[in-house]
Each structure stands twice: as C-alpha cells, then as structure tokens.
Protein backbone atom coordinates (compact mmCIF):
# COMPACT_ATOMS: atom_id res chain seq x y z
CA MET A 1 27.34 -12.53 14.01
CA PHE A 2 26.97 -16.28 14.48
CA LYS A 3 26.94 -18.26 11.25
CA ASN A 4 24.54 -21.17 10.95
CA ARG A 5 26.65 -24.25 10.48
CA ASN A 6 26.36 -27.87 11.63
CA LEU A 7 28.68 -27.53 14.62
CA THR A 8 28.91 -26.49 18.24
CA ARG A 9 31.10 -23.48 18.98
CA THR A 10 32.84 -22.56 22.23
CA ILE A 11 32.97 -18.83 22.97
CA ALA A 12 35.23 -17.16 25.50
CA ILE A 13 33.70 -14.26 27.40
CA SER A 14 35.65 -12.14 29.87
CA THR A 15 33.77 -8.89 30.31
CA VAL A 16 30.02 -9.01 29.98
CA LEU A 17 26.94 -11.09 30.50
CA ILE A 18 24.87 -11.32 27.33
CA ALA A 19 21.50 -12.92 26.95
CA LEU A 20 19.95 -12.63 23.54
CA THR A 21 16.76 -14.63 23.63
CA ALA A 22 14.67 -14.75 20.51
CA VAL A 23 14.79 -11.06 19.74
CA THR A 24 11.85 -10.24 17.51
CA ALA A 25 11.51 -7.59 14.89
CA THR A 26 7.77 -7.06 15.22
CA ALA A 27 7.72 -3.71 17.03
CA ALA A 28 10.42 -1.99 15.01
CA ILE A 29 9.77 -3.14 11.47
CA GLY A 30 6.49 -5.00 11.36
CA ILE A 31 7.66 -8.57 10.71
CA PRO A 32 5.49 -10.76 12.95
CA GLY A 33 7.33 -13.24 15.14
CA PHE A 34 10.59 -13.28 13.18
CA SER A 35 13.62 -14.09 15.32
CA ILE A 36 16.64 -12.02 14.31
CA PHE A 37 19.14 -13.99 16.41
CA ASP A 38 19.45 -17.55 17.60
CA THR A 39 19.00 -17.89 21.36
CA ILE A 40 22.48 -17.37 22.77
CA THR A 41 23.49 -17.36 26.42
CA THR A 42 27.05 -16.58 27.56
CA PHE A 43 28.42 -16.16 31.04
CA PHE A 44 30.67 -13.64 32.72
CA GLY A 45 34.26 -14.79 32.95
CA GLY A 46 33.62 -18.19 31.45
CA THR A 47 32.62 -20.09 28.38
CA SER A 48 29.43 -21.50 26.95
CA THR A 49 28.77 -24.00 24.23
CA VAL A 50 26.27 -22.74 21.66
CA PRO A 51 24.47 -25.39 19.61
CA GLU A 52 23.73 -23.85 16.21
CA ARG A 53 20.78 -24.70 13.98
CA ILE A 54 21.45 -27.19 11.24
CA GLY A 55 20.86 -26.04 7.69
CA ALA A 56 19.26 -22.70 8.64
CA PRO A 57 20.18 -19.51 6.78
CA GLU A 58 22.02 -16.61 8.34
CA PRO A 59 19.81 -14.17 10.25
CA MET A 60 18.61 -11.24 8.15
CA THR A 61 20.25 -7.90 8.77
CA ILE A 62 17.04 -5.89 8.73
CA GLY A 63 17.37 -2.16 8.24
CA VAL A 64 20.89 -2.26 6.78
CA CYS A 65 21.84 -1.90 3.12
CA ASP A 66 24.45 -4.65 2.68
CA THR A 67 24.70 -4.32 -1.10
CA ALA A 68 24.77 -1.57 -3.70
CA GLY A 69 21.04 -2.09 -4.24
CA PRO A 70 19.03 -0.08 -5.07
CA ILE A 71 16.64 -2.91 -4.09
CA GLU A 72 17.93 -5.50 -1.63
CA VAL A 73 16.16 -8.74 -0.78
CA GLU A 74 16.75 -10.97 2.24
CA ALA A 75 14.77 -14.05 3.24
CA SER A 76 14.45 -16.40 6.20
CA LEU A 77 14.49 -19.64 4.15
CA VAL A 78 15.63 -20.18 0.55
CA GLY A 79 17.84 -17.45 -0.93
CA PRO A 80 18.67 -15.63 2.31
CA GLY A 81 20.75 -13.03 0.49
CA PRO A 82 21.31 -10.16 0.76
CA THR A 83 20.73 -9.97 -2.99
CA ALA A 84 20.71 -6.74 -5.01
CA TYR A 85 18.21 -5.95 -7.79
CA ALA A 86 18.05 -2.98 -10.13
CA THR A 87 14.29 -2.50 -9.76
CA LEU A 88 11.40 -3.50 -7.55
CA GLY A 89 10.00 -5.37 -10.54
CA ALA A 90 13.16 -7.50 -10.78
CA ALA A 91 12.97 -8.30 -7.07
CA PHE A 92 9.31 -9.36 -7.39
CA THR A 93 10.18 -11.54 -10.38
CA ALA A 94 12.75 -13.36 -8.25
CA ILE A 95 10.24 -13.83 -5.42
CA ASN A 96 7.68 -15.19 -7.89
CA ALA A 97 10.31 -17.66 -9.14
CA GLY A 98 10.99 -18.96 -5.61
CA THR A 99 14.49 -17.48 -5.46
CA HIS A 100 13.62 -16.11 -2.02
CA THR A 101 11.15 -17.81 0.32
CA GLY A 102 9.80 -17.57 3.86
CA THR A 103 9.68 -14.21 5.58
CA ILE A 104 11.03 -11.75 3.04
CA SER A 105 12.47 -8.26 3.51
CA VAL A 106 12.62 -5.98 0.45
CA GLU A 107 14.70 -2.96 1.35
CA VAL A 108 14.68 0.15 -0.81
CA CYS A 109 18.30 1.34 -0.61
CA GLY A 110 18.12 3.75 -3.55
CA ASN A 111 15.78 5.24 -6.13
CA THR A 112 14.45 3.11 -8.99
CA THR A 113 12.79 3.77 -12.32
CA GLU A 114 10.50 0.88 -13.18
CA THR A 115 10.17 0.01 -16.86
CA GLY A 116 6.84 -1.77 -16.41
CA THR A 117 4.54 -3.24 -13.77
CA ALA A 118 6.19 -4.66 -10.64
CA ALA A 119 3.90 -7.61 -9.85
CA VAL A 120 4.12 -9.95 -6.86
CA ASN A 121 2.02 -13.10 -7.15
CA ALA A 122 0.22 -15.10 -4.49
CA SER A 123 2.29 -17.45 -2.37
CA GLY A 124 1.66 -20.94 -3.75
CA SER A 125 1.15 -19.60 -7.25
CA GLY A 126 3.90 -21.14 -9.38
CA SER A 127 7.13 -21.20 -7.37
CA ALA A 128 6.30 -18.26 -5.09
CA SER A 129 6.45 -19.25 -1.42
CA TYR A 130 6.37 -16.72 1.38
CA SER A 131 4.54 -16.02 4.62
CA PHE A 132 5.16 -12.27 4.78
CA ILE A 133 6.81 -9.58 2.67
CA LEU A 134 7.95 -6.24 4.08
CA ILE A 135 8.92 -3.42 1.70
CA ARG A 136 10.56 -0.44 3.39
CA PRO A 137 13.12 2.33 2.79
CA VAL A 138 16.56 2.05 4.38
CA GLY A 139 19.47 4.42 4.73
CA GLY A 140 17.99 7.43 6.48
CA VAL A 141 17.12 9.37 3.29
CA ALA A 142 14.10 9.76 1.02
CA ARG A 143 13.60 6.94 -1.50
CA THR A 144 11.45 6.99 -4.65
CA ILE A 145 10.10 4.21 -6.84
CA THR A 146 8.80 5.74 -10.05
CA GLY A 147 7.62 4.78 -13.50
CA ALA A 148 5.30 5.86 -16.31
CA VAL A 149 2.97 2.90 -16.89
CA SER A 150 -0.13 3.36 -19.05
CA GLY A 151 -3.11 1.03 -18.79
CA ASN A 152 -1.60 -0.97 -15.94
CA PRO A 153 -0.49 -0.47 -12.34
CA LEU A 154 3.04 0.42 -11.34
CA VAL A 155 2.78 -2.05 -8.42
CA ASN A 156 0.44 -5.02 -8.69
CA LEU A 157 -0.52 -7.18 -5.69
CA ASN A 158 -1.67 -10.06 -7.87
CA GLY A 159 -3.41 -12.29 -5.34
CA ALA A 160 -0.64 -11.49 -2.87
CA ASP A 161 -1.43 -11.75 0.84
CA ASN A 162 0.43 -10.37 3.86
CA VAL A 163 2.47 -7.76 2.01
CA THR A 164 3.30 -4.58 3.90
CA ILE A 165 4.68 -1.41 2.32
CA ASN A 166 5.85 0.76 5.19
CA GLY A 167 7.42 4.13 4.34
CA ILE A 168 8.48 4.40 8.02
CA ASN A 169 8.67 8.27 8.16
CA SER A 170 11.29 8.35 10.90
CA GLY A 171 15.06 8.67 11.07
CA GLY A 172 15.05 10.26 7.63
CA ASP A 173 13.51 7.18 5.97
CA THR A 174 10.63 8.03 3.63
CA LEU A 175 9.18 6.24 0.61
CA THR A 176 7.39 7.63 -2.45
CA ILE A 177 5.80 5.36 -5.06
CA GLN A 178 4.50 7.16 -8.13
CA ASN A 179 3.08 6.43 -11.57
CA THR A 180 3.63 9.56 -13.64
CA ASP A 181 1.47 8.55 -16.63
CA SER A 182 -1.17 11.25 -17.03
CA GLY A 183 -3.39 9.69 -19.68
CA ASN A 184 -6.99 8.57 -19.31
CA THR A 185 -6.36 4.96 -20.36
CA SER A 186 -8.42 2.43 -18.40
CA GLY A 187 -6.37 0.52 -15.86
CA THR A 188 -3.71 3.13 -15.17
CA SER A 189 -2.93 3.09 -11.45
CA THR A 190 -0.09 3.21 -8.96
CA ILE A 191 -0.99 0.29 -6.66
CA LYS A 192 -3.54 -2.36 -7.59
CA PHE A 193 -5.15 -5.17 -5.59
CA ILE A 194 -6.52 -8.06 -7.67
CA GLY A 195 -7.20 -11.79 -7.59
CA GLY A 196 -7.92 -12.18 -3.89
CA ALA A 197 -5.17 -9.92 -2.50
CA THR A 198 -5.87 -10.02 1.22
CA GLY A 199 -4.39 -8.77 4.48
CA ASN A 200 -2.03 -6.26 2.88
CA THR A 201 -1.02 -2.92 4.39
CA ILE A 202 0.16 0.26 2.69
CA THR A 203 1.18 2.74 5.38
CA ASN A 204 3.34 5.77 6.16
CA SER A 205 4.05 6.29 2.47
CA THR A 206 3.52 8.85 -0.28
CA ILE A 207 1.56 7.22 -3.11
CA LEU A 208 1.11 9.42 -6.18
CA GLY A 209 -0.54 9.14 -9.58
CA SER A 210 -1.83 11.22 -12.48
CA GLY A 211 -4.41 9.08 -14.29
CA SER A 212 -7.12 11.34 -15.70
CA MET A 213 -9.91 8.86 -16.53
CA ALA A 214 -13.53 9.47 -15.43
CA VAL A 215 -14.58 8.05 -12.07
CA GLY A 216 -16.44 5.12 -13.64
CA THR A 217 -13.37 3.98 -15.60
CA ASN A 218 -10.97 1.49 -14.05
CA GLY A 219 -7.89 3.05 -12.47
CA GLY A 220 -6.79 5.55 -9.87
CA VAL A 221 -3.87 6.10 -7.53
CA PHE A 222 -5.11 2.99 -5.69
CA TRP A 223 -7.29 0.46 -7.48
CA LEU A 224 -9.08 -2.40 -5.71
CA SER A 225 -10.14 -4.61 -8.59
CA THR A 226 -11.93 -7.92 -9.19
CA ASP A 227 -11.30 -11.47 -8.05
CA SER A 228 -11.59 -14.26 -10.60
CA VAL A 229 -9.21 -16.53 -8.69
CA THR A 230 -10.75 -17.07 -5.25
CA THR A 231 -14.32 -16.74 -3.96
CA ALA A 232 -13.38 -14.25 -1.25
CA GLY A 233 -12.41 -10.96 -2.94
CA ASN A 234 -9.64 -8.52 -2.12
CA ASP A 235 -10.35 -8.29 1.58
CA ASN A 236 -9.05 -6.82 4.83
CA ASN A 237 -6.48 -4.54 3.26
CA THR A 238 -5.41 -1.38 5.05
CA ILE A 239 -4.45 1.94 3.45
CA SER A 240 -3.40 4.21 6.31
CA ASN A 241 -1.28 7.23 7.19
CA ASN A 242 -0.38 7.95 3.56
CA ASN A 243 -0.17 11.03 1.37
CA ILE A 244 -2.28 10.28 -1.71
CA GLY A 245 -2.13 12.86 -4.47
CA PRO A 246 -0.66 13.95 -7.83
CA ALA A 247 2.63 12.84 -9.37
CA GLY A 248 3.93 16.30 -10.25
CA ALA A 249 1.69 18.89 -11.88
CA ASN A 250 -0.74 16.41 -13.47
CA LEU A 251 -3.68 15.71 -11.17
CA PRO A 252 -5.31 12.31 -10.69
CA SER A 253 -9.07 12.12 -11.15
CA LYS A 254 -9.33 9.54 -8.32
CA GLY A 255 -7.41 8.85 -5.14
CA ILE A 256 -8.82 5.43 -4.25
CA TYR A 257 -11.03 3.47 -6.65
CA CYS A 258 -12.91 0.21 -6.08
CA ASN A 259 -14.79 -1.80 -8.68
CA GLY A 260 -14.85 -5.41 -7.52
CA SER A 261 -16.71 -8.62 -8.21
CA GLY A 262 -20.34 -8.47 -7.13
CA THR A 263 -21.94 -11.81 -7.95
CA THR A 264 -22.00 -12.74 -4.24
CA THR A 265 -21.46 -10.85 -1.03
CA ALA A 266 -18.41 -12.96 -0.20
CA ILE A 267 -16.57 -12.28 -3.44
CA GLY A 268 -16.85 -8.52 -3.01
CA ASN A 269 -13.90 -6.51 -1.71
CA SER A 270 -14.86 -6.37 1.96
CA GLY A 271 -13.37 -5.34 5.28
CA ASN A 272 -10.97 -2.82 3.74
CA ILE A 273 -9.81 0.11 5.87
CA ILE A 274 -9.05 3.60 4.59
CA ASN A 275 -7.78 5.48 7.64
CA ASN A 276 -5.93 8.68 8.48
CA ASN A 277 -4.73 9.55 4.98
CA ASN A 278 -4.14 12.91 3.35
CA ILE A 279 -6.08 12.68 0.06
CA PHE A 280 -5.53 15.83 -1.96
CA ASP A 281 -5.56 17.51 -5.37
CA TYR A 282 -7.76 14.90 -7.06
CA PHE A 283 -9.56 16.75 -9.83
CA ALA A 284 -10.38 16.69 -13.55
CA VAL A 285 -11.23 19.82 -15.48
CA ALA A 286 -13.59 18.16 -17.98
CA THR A 287 -14.81 14.96 -16.33
CA THR A 288 -15.84 13.49 -12.99
CA SER A 289 -13.45 13.19 -10.04
CA ALA A 290 -13.41 11.74 -6.53
CA GLY A 291 -11.17 11.21 -3.52
CA VAL A 292 -12.63 7.77 -2.76
CA TYR A 293 -14.95 6.12 -5.29
CA ALA A 294 -16.59 2.72 -4.73
CA ALA A 295 -18.92 0.95 -7.15
CA ASP A 296 -20.33 -2.59 -6.92
CA GLY A 297 -18.21 -5.29 -5.32
CA CYS A 298 -17.07 -3.06 -2.44
CA ASN A 299 -18.84 -3.68 0.87
CA THR A 300 -18.29 -3.32 4.63
CA TRP A 301 -15.52 -0.74 4.31
CA SER A 302 -14.28 1.65 6.96
CA ILE A 303 -13.45 5.14 5.68
CA THR A 304 -12.31 7.06 8.72
CA ASN A 305 -10.25 10.05 9.87
CA ASN A 306 -9.05 11.07 6.42
CA ARG A 307 -8.44 14.63 5.25
CA PHE A 308 -9.74 15.60 1.79
CA TYR A 309 -8.46 18.94 0.47
CA GLN A 310 -7.32 20.96 -2.53
CA THR A 311 -4.03 22.81 -2.15
CA THR A 312 -4.94 25.26 -4.96
CA ALA A 313 -8.18 26.52 -6.49
CA LYS A 314 -9.60 24.27 -9.23
CA ALA A 315 -11.87 25.18 -12.15
CA TRP A 316 -14.07 23.14 -14.50
CA THR A 317 -14.05 23.90 -18.20
CA ALA A 318 -17.13 25.34 -19.83
CA GLY A 319 -19.99 22.92 -20.38
CA SER A 320 -18.40 19.96 -18.63
CA ALA A 321 -20.70 17.54 -16.78
CA SER A 322 -18.31 17.20 -13.89
CA GLN A 323 -19.45 16.04 -10.51
CA HIS A 324 -16.69 16.28 -7.92
CA SER A 325 -17.06 14.32 -4.67
CA PRO A 326 -14.47 13.62 -2.00
CA ILE A 327 -16.40 10.45 -1.09
CA TRP A 328 -18.53 8.85 -3.83
CA LEU A 329 -20.33 5.54 -3.12
CA ILE A 330 -22.43 4.16 -5.95
CA GLY A 331 -22.66 0.38 -5.54
CA THR A 332 -26.36 -0.47 -5.89
CA SER A 333 -26.04 -4.27 -5.95
CA THR A 334 -27.96 -5.93 -3.11
CA THR A 335 -25.35 -8.72 -2.96
CA SER A 336 -22.17 -6.63 -2.83
CA GLY A 337 -22.96 -2.96 -3.23
CA SER A 338 -22.22 0.01 -0.98
CA GLN A 339 -23.47 -1.59 2.23
CA GLY A 340 -22.22 -2.09 5.77
CA LEU A 341 -20.02 0.99 5.52
CA THR A 342 -18.56 3.04 8.36
CA ILE A 343 -17.74 6.62 7.37
CA THR A 344 -16.66 8.82 10.26
CA GLY A 345 -14.10 11.38 11.40
CA ASN A 346 -13.22 12.59 7.90
CA ILE A 347 -12.47 16.25 7.24
CA ILE A 348 -13.58 17.58 3.85
CA GLY A 349 -12.42 21.12 3.15
CA TYR A 350 -9.53 23.54 3.45
CA ALA A 351 -6.35 23.76 1.41
CA SER A 352 -4.10 21.74 3.68
CA ASN A 353 -4.08 18.82 6.10
CA THR A 354 -3.80 21.29 8.97
CA GLN A 355 -7.16 22.91 8.15
CA THR A 356 -5.94 26.18 6.71
CA GLY A 357 -7.06 27.88 3.49
CA THR A 358 -10.15 27.09 1.41
CA TYR A 359 -11.27 24.16 -0.72
CA ALA A 360 -12.11 26.15 -3.84
CA ILE A 361 -13.75 24.81 -7.03
CA SER A 362 -15.37 26.95 -9.68
CA GLY A 363 -16.20 27.00 -13.38
CA THR A 364 -18.52 28.33 -16.04
CA GLY A 365 -20.23 25.04 -16.88
CA THR A 366 -23.87 24.68 -15.85
CA SER A 367 -23.70 20.98 -14.96
CA GLY A 368 -20.64 20.91 -12.74
CA ARG A 369 -21.42 20.22 -9.09
CA PHE A 370 -19.73 19.53 -5.76
CA VAL A 371 -21.18 16.84 -3.47
CA GLY A 372 -19.18 16.23 -0.28
CA ILE A 373 -20.43 12.67 0.26
CA PHE A 374 -22.44 11.13 -2.56
CA PHE A 375 -24.26 7.93 -1.59
CA ASN A 376 -26.36 5.92 -4.00
CA GLY A 377 -25.77 2.46 -2.63
CA SER A 378 -27.70 -0.62 -1.69
CA VAL A 379 -31.16 0.43 -0.48
CA SER A 380 -31.14 -2.55 1.87
CA GLU A 381 -28.38 -1.09 4.04
CA PRO A 382 -27.25 2.54 4.07
CA PRO A 383 -23.94 3.60 5.68
CA ARG A 384 -23.78 2.87 9.38
CA ARG A 385 -22.26 6.20 10.33
CA LEU A 386 -21.91 9.47 8.47
CA VAL A 387 -20.06 11.85 10.78
CA THR A 388 -17.87 14.15 8.74
CA ILE A 389 -16.72 17.75 8.95
CA LEU A 390 -17.20 19.84 5.79
CA SER A 391 -15.71 23.33 6.11
CA PRO A 392 -14.80 25.70 4.63
CA LEU A 393 -15.70 25.23 0.98
C-alpha cells in the first residue's frame, strides 16, 4: 500500500500493467464517492514516478479488521486510524469529539455489550465533523451489539445525518442490534431518530427490542421522535430489509413508533420509508400493540412491501382493552398528521415471512380487537394507496 508522504516515489515494475484509477467503494459498501486508492499508473517493464498527496491520510482498509476491536474506526481526514474501541458508544463519543472526521467507517469486528446509550451527534454540533458514517459487520461471522437500557434508546441518532447501518447479510457477515430491557418505561427503544436526524439508512440488519409500553407511550424497537433543533423534522430516513422483532422471549409492544413535532407540516417527520421488512411478534397481553404506529408529526410516509406476522399464537388477558393492529395511523393534526401516506404491498397474516401458518390472536377479554390497518388520520388527506394482503388470520 502506498503511504501518503510529501515525496515522489519511483517504482520498478517488471511483470504486469496496473492501472488503479480512483477505485470507489460505493457499490460494495455504500460509501458514496470515496476513493480507496490514489490514482496510480505503472508500466510493463519500466518505471513510473508517482506523485503522492501532501498531508493526506492513508487510505482506509474497508472491510478488514486491522485491530483487536471489537469496534474499529477509520476516517478519511482527521484520525484515520484504524482505532479500536470497546463499545459502539465509545466510538461515537470519539466521533462526537472530532477524533475522527470526514468519511467514517465503523466496523463491528466483535460483539459488544453497551452500558448505556450509544449516541452520535449531528456533524457541526460541538467538534463532530463528518460527511458520512457507515456502520457494518466485518469478519464473515455474526456480530451482535446488545444492551439493557431503560427509558432511553440503545442507539441514538441525535440530529445525525447520512448515517448508514448496513448488516450486509452476505459472506457470513450479519449484524444484530438489540435492547433487551423489557419494561414499560417511556422512551425505551433500540434505535431512535431525534433532533432533525435526516437521510439515514438502517438496512439488512436484525433490530430487536422488548419494550412493553402501550402504543401511545414513547418508545418501540424503532422510535422516530421530535425535532426541537431544526425546523425540518427527522426526514427521509429509510428502514429497509430488516428483521424487526423481540429480543429473546420478551415481546415488544411496537415495532416502529413515530410521535414527532406537529406545529407545522415542515417540522413533522416526513418522507420516511419503511420497506421490505419482516415485522413480527409485536404483542402485549394487557395493553395495546402495533407493528407500525404513527401519531401526529408523521406525514408523507411510504409503508410498503413489509410482512407482518406472529410466529406463535398470542392471547390477551381477561378484561384487557387491547387493540392490536399491524399498521396503526392516528395522527389527526391537519398540519402534520397521518396524511400523504403510501401504504401498499404489505402482507398481514401467517406465522412466517414465507406465508405459512396462521396469525393467531385470542383471549377472553370483551374489549380486545384486531384491526389490520387502523386509520384515523387527517380528514383533509387520507392515505393515497391502501393495497394490502390480509390472510390467513
């Protein structure tokens, strides 16, 4: 590998012609426009002088665990690394402090147990300075980030933009992120978006939680929250191709929950995409439960091609007032309620993501009810499309 020093190096080549011209990592790992190597041209049987960039860091070795980890950080500008951290939270703390800047790769090279919330702040907030952060597993084996955090998220995108968590799901690389706290404390979640978190992607991962609060209480496996920092909301985030379900035997009452700011249309959480996820085993025996629940401050969403199912039969307890809805939209605000929504291609039913078995819920209570899609949104604009398969129940 060519080091970046203030010099010109002569290289002897006797066997091959090599032309490495601005190789990008976009297709393989999702870092837009990042050049892994300097442009280098050498010639068969001869020599070439290679002018090297002055003051630039070494290229990142993406997809390789260079340290003992379990979390390894590399960056394109300040603090190129590779630098090892004991937890994801410690790595985020370093990024927030400006220890690593530019395009940042956070590689999960081992399992971690987080002792609290791992929060990454907005670039430009304090010393944080980055254009893109990629979090991904490395090493060809399953990786897990776990913790038991009550009343707070395990991972907090605190105004952060352009963060991608990609579990890859190829070559043996998989990533599970789970909050195992099973209480009903408000705010308990696995991944939270707050303070104008925009343009983030969570994909190809297994995201698990066990919070048991009612649907109208803040929290869930995913939680899209409010924005008191910008005037734009937590917008244009994508949750796709994930497994969203329980952390162990304790079931979450909600898969994806949104309760944003609704004073204006712009400040609502808008343009978010929920696509092609397996959302399963969300249930509460004595309170309300939902796969996707959106209250005020959540507009112009796309909820498409997801599979909602229960892997085992579920039962309400006697006398519980327990509505259960795979999709529950209840934002009545005319400024930023449940409006401009696209809901299509979802499959509600069965006991698996391959449409086998039965989605079974029962109980002795008189007020428990199942509603496949519950819509009580803005009367000014109902959902644009409601094309969903419900069978068998």
